[in-house]
Amino acid sequence: MHHVPRKRFGQNFLTDEAVIADIIAAIAPQPADRMIEIGPGFGALTRPLAARLDHLHVIEIDRDIVAQLKRDFPPERVTIHQGDALKFDFFVLGPRLRLVGNLPYNISTPLLFHLAENAANIRDIHVMLQKEVVARMVARPSSSAYGRLSVMLQYRFQMEKILDVPAIAFRPAPKVESAVVRILPLERPPGEACDEALLANLVASAFAQRRKTLRNTLRNYLGGADFAMLGVAPEARAQELAVADFMRVANYVARKRAA
């Protein structure tokens, strides 16, 4: 099928057979796995996944591609959900979900946060993203790539980059390099959990102006005595705090407000 890739959907189709084989090997699908592919395109990953699974779910927004997928795959093997992955309710497909996909780069960050909201139902995620985004996801404190995305995803997940993918592996070739990341939900004991809305707001404030000190960026949350109580240097900057530090601050602010 001839299909003109649509920029509004961020379409770049994976065509490199060696890269496809490496991704499938990393995922290691087993027949009974409850797996969902996001953005299957013309089936570069869909075909080898469907061959190994009892059943596969895919989410695709492009109507023309959905029509082609319906011609290529029988419904008893592949269920096609036409729609926007950003609005998809992953809970309806049950627990222990395995998510895979070549994520559209133009929606990758909001989609990652949407998946984080569904973390309780997810077993693992293997997705391809812009290499720079993956670097931010797995970044450690005090590095230039460490920021809001790092903290909020590392609060929910353990992540590692497992494969670099060159631009020439796609049609059309994107202007950026890509990488595949493995994402595993963390099972956090109830006593370690945060008010996530408060944590998100606090982290966003801390990183809003990276060059400013925490004394300035968190002035709506903490005073001088609070920094002393927490053992956090008010002259530090957001990128110097680990995820556990942000959690301590969020829990402290929550207790302070409750009192």
Protein backbone atom coordinates (compact mmCIF):
# COMPACT_ATOMS: atom_id res chain seq x y z
CA MET A 1 0.00 0.00 0.00
CA HIS A 2 1.27 3.47 -0.88
CA HIS A 3 0.84 5.79 2.06
CA VAL A 4 2.12 9.34 2.44
CA PRO A 5 3.37 9.69 6.04
CA ARG A 6 1.37 12.31 7.91
CA LYS A 7 3.33 14.90 9.86
CA ARG A 8 0.41 15.61 12.21
CA PHE A 9 0.61 11.98 13.40
CA GLY A 10 4.42 12.04 13.59
CA GLN A 11 4.65 9.08 11.22
CA ASN A 12 8.05 7.48 10.57
CA PHE A 13 7.82 3.80 9.69
CA LEU A 14 10.45 1.34 10.94
CA THR A 15 11.84 -0.75 8.06
CA ASP A 16 15.24 -2.10 9.18
CA GLU A 17 14.86 -5.88 9.64
CA ALA A 18 17.90 -6.18 11.91
CA VAL A 19 16.59 -3.48 14.25
CA ILE A 20 13.15 -5.11 14.25
CA ALA A 21 14.71 -8.46 15.21
CA ASP A 22 16.70 -6.83 18.02
CA ILE A 23 13.57 -5.17 19.43
CA ILE A 24 11.57 -8.42 19.33
CA ALA A 25 14.43 -10.24 21.07
CA ALA A 26 14.49 -7.58 23.81
CA ILE A 27 10.73 -7.83 24.33
CA ALA A 28 10.82 -11.67 24.35
CA PRO A 29 7.05 -12.11 23.81
CA GLN A 30 5.44 -15.28 25.16
CA PRO A 31 2.19 -16.74 23.76
CA ALA A 32 -0.04 -15.90 26.74
CA ASP A 33 1.26 -12.33 27.24
CA ARG A 34 -1.39 -9.59 27.27
CA MET A 35 0.35 -7.23 24.86
CA ILE A 36 -0.63 -3.88 23.33
CA GLU A 37 1.23 -2.22 20.49
CA ILE A 38 0.92 1.56 20.23
CA GLY A 39 1.16 2.97 16.71
CA PRO A 40 1.66 -0.24 14.68
CA GLY A 41 1.92 1.55 11.33
CA PHE A 42 2.15 -1.08 8.61
CA GLY A 43 3.08 -3.87 10.96
CA ALA A 44 6.89 -3.92 11.20
CA LEU A 45 6.60 -5.08 14.82
CA THR A 46 3.02 -6.30 14.57
CA ARG A 47 3.85 -9.24 12.30
CA PRO A 48 6.58 -10.82 14.44
CA LEU A 49 4.59 -10.09 17.62
CA ALA A 50 1.38 -11.63 16.26
CA ALA A 51 3.36 -14.69 15.14
CA ARG A 52 4.51 -15.28 18.73
CA LEU A 53 1.40 -14.31 20.69
CA ASP A 54 -1.99 -15.96 21.13
CA HIS A 55 -3.53 -12.51 20.68
CA LEU A 56 -2.33 -8.94 20.20
CA HIS A 57 -4.06 -5.58 20.73
CA VAL A 58 -2.97 -2.56 18.68
CA ILE A 59 -3.90 1.13 18.94
CA GLU A 60 -3.76 3.15 15.71
CA ILE A 61 -5.11 6.65 15.03
CA ASP A 62 -4.79 6.74 11.22
CA ARG A 63 -7.96 5.43 9.52
CA ASP A 64 -6.16 4.46 6.31
CA ILE A 65 -3.63 2.39 8.24
CA VAL A 66 -6.42 0.81 10.32
CA ALA A 67 -8.12 -0.29 7.10
CA GLN A 68 -4.87 -1.88 5.89
CA LEU A 69 -4.27 -3.60 9.23
CA LYS A 70 -7.76 -5.10 9.11
CA ARG A 71 -6.92 -6.57 5.70
CA ASP A 72 -3.58 -7.92 6.91
CA PHE A 73 -4.51 -9.43 10.27
CA PRO A 74 -7.50 -11.64 11.22
CA PRO A 75 -9.55 -10.29 14.17
CA GLU A 76 -9.15 -13.54 16.12
CA ARG A 77 -5.39 -12.84 16.25
CA VAL A 78 -5.19 -9.03 16.34
CA THR A 79 -7.73 -6.64 17.89
CA ILE A 80 -7.44 -3.16 16.37
CA HIS A 81 -8.45 -0.18 18.48
CA GLN A 82 -8.82 2.89 16.29
CA GLY A 83 -8.17 6.06 18.27
CA ASP A 84 -5.71 8.25 20.11
CA ALA A 85 -3.39 6.44 22.53
CA LEU A 86 -3.40 9.59 24.69
CA LYS A 87 -7.10 9.02 25.38
CA PHE A 88 -7.06 5.23 25.54
CA ASP A 89 -8.20 3.60 28.79
CA PHE A 90 -5.64 0.87 29.33
CA PHE A 91 -7.51 -0.42 32.39
CA VAL A 92 -10.19 -1.99 30.17
CA LEU A 93 -7.71 -4.58 28.89
CA GLY A 94 -6.91 -5.95 32.35
CA PRO A 95 -3.79 -6.32 34.51
CA ARG A 96 -0.19 -7.24 33.72
CA LEU A 97 -0.17 -5.42 30.38
CA ARG A 98 2.93 -5.42 28.19
CA LEU A 99 3.16 -2.28 26.05
CA VAL A 100 5.33 -1.89 22.98
CA GLY A 101 5.59 0.62 20.18
CA ASN A 102 7.38 3.18 18.08
CA LEU A 103 5.88 6.23 19.77
CA PRO A 104 5.14 9.37 17.73
CA TYR A 105 7.77 11.84 18.88
CA ASN A 106 5.34 14.77 18.83
CA ILE A 107 3.27 13.23 21.66
CA SER A 108 5.89 11.11 23.43
CA THR A 109 6.10 13.09 26.69
CA PRO A 110 2.34 13.39 27.37
CA LEU A 111 1.92 9.74 26.35
CA LEU A 112 4.57 8.67 28.86
CA PHE A 113 2.74 10.54 31.62
CA HIS A 114 -0.53 8.90 30.50
CA LEU A 115 1.11 5.48 30.79
CA ALA A 116 2.45 6.43 34.24
CA GLU A 117 -1.14 7.00 35.36
CA ASN A 118 -1.86 3.39 34.32
CA ALA A 119 1.28 1.96 35.95
CA ALA A 120 -0.68 -0.29 38.33
CA ASN A 121 -1.91 -2.33 35.34
CA ILE A 122 1.40 -2.51 33.50
CA ARG A 123 3.97 -5.31 33.63
CA ASP A 124 6.51 -3.66 31.34
CA ILE A 125 6.92 -1.21 28.47
CA HIS A 126 9.31 -1.35 25.51
CA VAL A 127 9.08 1.76 23.36
CA MET A 128 11.14 3.61 20.79
CA LEU A 129 11.54 7.33 21.33
CA GLN A 130 13.75 10.21 20.31
CA LYS A 131 17.21 9.44 21.71
CA GLU A 132 17.31 12.78 23.53
CA VAL A 133 14.03 11.97 25.32
CA VAL A 134 15.36 8.58 26.44
CA ALA A 135 18.48 10.31 27.78
CA ARG A 136 16.25 12.60 29.86
CA MET A 137 14.18 9.67 31.10
CA VAL A 138 17.15 7.71 32.47
CA ALA A 139 19.29 10.73 33.53
CA ARG A 140 20.84 10.82 36.99
CA PRO A 141 20.89 13.83 39.35
CA SER A 142 23.38 16.63 38.61
CA SER A 143 23.49 15.77 34.88
CA SER A 144 22.35 18.25 32.23
CA ALA A 145 19.62 15.88 31.00
CA TYR A 146 18.10 15.40 34.48
CA GLY A 147 14.83 17.26 34.88
CA ARG A 148 11.09 17.09 35.44
CA LEU A 149 10.62 14.13 33.08
CA SER A 150 13.41 12.20 34.83
CA VAL A 151 11.95 12.71 38.30
CA MET A 152 8.30 12.06 37.51
CA LEU A 153 8.98 8.90 35.50
CA GLN A 154 11.64 7.56 37.89
CA TYR A 155 9.14 8.00 40.72
CA ARG A 156 6.97 5.43 38.95
CA PHE A 157 9.41 3.33 36.92
CA GLN A 158 12.80 1.69 36.67
CA MET A 159 14.15 2.46 33.19
CA GLU A 160 17.11 1.55 31.00
CA LYS A 161 18.08 2.29 27.42
CA ILE A 162 18.56 -1.02 25.61
CA LEU A 163 19.12 -0.11 21.95
CA ASP A 164 20.16 2.83 19.77
CA VAL A 165 18.32 3.10 16.45
CA PRO A 166 19.76 5.20 13.58
CA ALA A 167 17.54 7.50 11.51
CA ILE A 168 18.16 5.39 8.39
CA ALA A 169 16.16 2.55 9.99
CA PHE A 170 12.95 4.48 9.18
CA ARG A 171 10.97 5.62 6.17
CA PRO A 172 11.00 8.56 5.93
CA ALA A 173 14.20 9.04 7.95
CA PRO A 174 13.53 11.41 10.87
CA LYS A 175 15.89 14.30 11.60
CA VAL A 176 16.78 12.79 14.98
CA GLU A 177 18.30 9.56 16.26
CA SER A 178 16.14 7.13 18.24
CA ALA A 179 16.51 4.67 21.09
CA VAL A 180 14.51 1.84 22.65
CA VAL A 181 13.91 2.01 26.40
CA ARG A 182 12.72 -0.71 28.79
CA ILE A 183 10.37 0.59 31.49
CA LEU A 184 9.40 -1.46 34.56
CA PRO A 185 6.84 -0.21 37.12
CA LEU A 186 8.15 0.12 40.66
CA GLU A 187 6.19 -1.60 43.41
CA ARG A 188 6.34 1.13 46.03
CA PRO A 189 5.23 0.31 49.60
CA PRO A 190 2.28 2.48 50.75
CA GLY A 191 4.46 4.27 53.29
CA GLU A 192 6.74 5.51 50.51
CA ALA A 193 3.99 6.89 48.28
CA CYS A 194 3.47 10.60 47.71
CA ASP A 195 0.56 12.86 46.99
CA GLU A 196 1.36 12.66 43.30
CA ALA A 197 -0.41 15.87 42.31
CA LEU A 198 1.58 17.76 44.96
CA LEU A 199 4.81 16.05 43.88
CA ALA A 200 4.16 16.95 40.23
CA ASN A 201 3.49 20.60 41.05
CA LEU A 202 6.50 20.84 43.32
CA VAL A 203 8.84 19.26 40.74
CA ALA A 204 7.46 21.50 37.98
CA SER A 205 8.12 24.57 40.14
CA ALA A 206 11.63 23.42 41.04
CA PHE A 207 12.64 22.92 37.39
CA ALA A 208 10.75 25.89 35.93
CA GLN A 209 13.91 28.01 36.22
CA ARG A 210 16.83 25.60 36.37
CA ARG A 211 19.44 28.23 37.16
CA LYS A 212 17.62 29.55 40.20
CA THR A 213 18.13 28.11 43.66
CA LEU A 214 15.52 26.08 45.51
CA ARG A 215 15.10 28.99 47.92
CA ASN A 216 13.56 30.89 44.98
CA THR A 217 11.82 28.15 43.01
CA LEU A 218 10.22 26.50 46.07
CA ARG A 219 9.44 29.66 48.05
CA ASN A 220 5.71 28.84 47.86
CA TYR A 221 6.39 25.50 49.55
CA LEU A 222 9.34 25.94 51.92
CA GLY A 223 10.77 28.59 54.22
CA GLY A 224 14.25 28.78 55.76
CA ALA A 225 13.31 26.62 58.75
CA ASP A 226 11.80 24.02 56.44
CA PHE A 227 15.04 23.62 54.46
CA ALA A 228 16.91 23.14 57.73
CA MET A 229 14.38 20.57 58.93
CA LEU A 230 14.68 18.64 55.66
CA GLY A 231 18.46 18.87 55.48
CA VAL A 232 18.20 20.37 51.99
CA ALA A 233 20.51 23.24 51.06
CA PRO A 234 18.39 26.25 50.02
CA GLU A 235 21.17 27.36 47.64
CA ALA A 236 21.03 24.03 45.77
CA ARG A 237 19.33 23.76 42.39
CA ALA A 238 16.62 21.32 41.35
CA GLN A 239 18.93 19.07 39.34
CA GLU A 240 20.96 18.34 42.48
CA LEU A 241 18.04 16.57 44.22
CA ALA A 242 17.44 12.85 43.74
CA VAL A 243 13.93 11.44 43.28
CA ALA A 244 13.94 10.34 46.92
CA ASP A 245 14.72 13.92 47.96
CA PHE A 246 11.75 15.28 46.02
CA MET A 247 9.58 12.63 47.65
CA ARG A 248 10.76 13.68 51.12
CA VAL A 249 10.02 17.32 50.34
CA ALA A 250 6.57 16.50 48.96
CA ASN A 251 5.66 14.39 51.99
CA TYR A 252 6.95 17.10 54.34
CA VAL A 253 4.85 19.78 52.59
CA ALA A 254 1.80 17.49 52.69
CA ARG A 255 2.19 16.92 56.45
CA LYS A 256 2.78 20.62 57.04
CA ARG A 257 -0.38 21.55 55.15
CA ALA A 258 -2.42 18.91 56.95
CA ALA A 259 -1.27 20.30 60.30
